[in-house]
Amino acid sequence: MKRVREDTTPKIEEIAADIHAPKLAAKPEKQLPSRAGKKNLVVPIDPPLHKTLKQQALHLDLTLERYVTSALEELARKNAIK
C-alpha cells in the first residue's frame, strides 16, 4: 500500500502571520565616543573628485573624514544665514 505524503505547503494564514510579524531590531553597532550624537552624511561623488579629496587630505596629514568635515564647516560658516 502506498503511503500518502502529508501536505507541508504553508497555509495562507501562516504566510500572512510571517509577513506581519514584528521584526527583531538589529543590534545597534557600537559607536565610537567621538561619533556620539553625530549624523552621517552620504553623498555620491565622482571617482576623480574622491581621489583628489583623498590626496589633499593626505597632503595635510588628515583623515578624509576630518578633511571633508572641516571643509563643510567652513562652507557653512561662509554661507551662514544672517
Protein backbone atom coordinates (compact mmCIF):
# COMPACT_ATOMS: atom_id res chain seq x y z
CA MET A 1 0.00 0.00 0.00
CA LYS A 2 1.31 3.50 -0.91
CA ARG A 3 1.90 5.91 1.87
CA VAL A 4 0.20 9.28 1.37
CA ARG A 5 2.53 12.21 1.80
CA GLU A 6 1.43 14.85 4.28
CA ASP A 7 0.88 18.30 2.76
CA THR A 8 3.68 20.55 4.01
CA THR A 9 2.70 23.62 1.98
CA PRO A 10 2.26 26.60 4.31
CA LYS A 11 -1.28 27.87 4.62
CA ILE A 12 -2.12 31.45 3.68
CA GLU A 13 -2.70 32.33 7.35
CA GLU A 14 0.83 31.18 8.25
CA ILE A 15 2.33 33.22 5.41
CA ALA A 16 0.36 36.32 6.43
CA ALA A 17 1.43 35.88 10.06
CA ASP A 18 5.09 35.74 8.99
CA ILE A 19 4.75 38.86 6.85
CA HIS A 20 3.06 40.88 9.58
CA ALA A 21 5.08 39.56 12.50
CA PRO A 22 7.19 42.22 14.20
CA LYS A 23 10.79 42.08 13.07
CA LEU A 24 13.56 41.92 15.63
CA ALA A 25 15.56 45.11 15.68
CA ALA A 26 19.14 44.76 14.58
CA LYS A 27 21.67 45.32 17.30
CA PRO A 28 22.98 48.85 17.07
CA GLU A 29 26.64 49.00 16.22
CA LYS A 30 28.89 50.20 19.00
CA GLN A 31 29.62 53.81 18.32
CA LEU A 32 32.93 55.47 18.94
CA PRO A 33 32.73 58.14 21.64
CA SER A 34 33.91 60.74 19.13
CA ARG A 35 30.88 59.98 16.97
CA ALA A 36 28.24 60.05 19.70
CA GLY A 37 25.38 62.35 18.73
CA LYS A 38 26.71 62.82 15.20
CA LYS A 39 24.79 62.23 11.96
CA ASN A 40 26.21 60.51 8.89
CA LEU A 41 26.13 62.32 5.57
CA VAL A 42 26.33 60.10 2.50
CA VAL A 43 26.91 61.84 -0.80
CA PRO A 44 27.70 60.18 -4.12
CA ILE A 45 30.68 61.81 -5.79
CA ASP A 46 32.62 61.08 -8.94
CA PRO A 47 35.75 58.94 -8.54
CA PRO A 48 38.16 61.68 -9.69
CA LEU A 49 36.83 64.07 -7.03
CA HIS A 50 37.11 61.35 -4.38
CA LYS A 51 40.72 60.73 -5.39
CA THR A 52 41.50 64.47 -5.26
CA LEU A 53 39.98 64.84 -1.80
CA LYS A 54 41.91 61.83 -0.51
CA GLN A 55 45.17 63.23 -1.91
CA GLN A 56 44.54 66.66 -0.40
CA ALA A 57 43.71 65.14 2.99
CA LEU A 58 46.86 63.01 2.86
CA HIS A 59 48.95 66.06 1.95
CA LEU A 60 47.58 67.85 5.04
CA ASP A 61 48.08 64.76 7.21
CA LEU A 62 44.32 64.49 7.89
CA THR A 63 41.84 61.70 7.51
CA LEU A 64 39.42 62.12 4.64
CA GLU A 65 36.61 62.34 7.20
CA ARG A 66 38.28 65.17 9.11
CA TYR A 67 39.23 66.99 5.89
CA VAL A 68 35.69 66.89 4.48
CA THR A 69 34.18 67.81 7.85
CA SER A 70 36.45 70.86 8.06
CA ALA A 71 35.52 71.89 4.53
CA LEU A 72 31.80 71.55 5.27
CA GLU A 73 32.12 73.54 8.50
CA GLU A 74 33.94 76.32 6.60
CA LEU A 75 31.28 76.29 3.87
CA ALA A 76 28.51 76.51 6.47
CA ARG A 77 30.22 79.48 8.18
CA LYS A 78 30.78 81.23 4.86
CA ASN A 79 27.15 80.81 3.79
CA ALA A 80 25.54 81.35 7.19
CA ILE A 81 22.06 82.82 7.01
CA LYS A 82 22.02 86.16 8.81
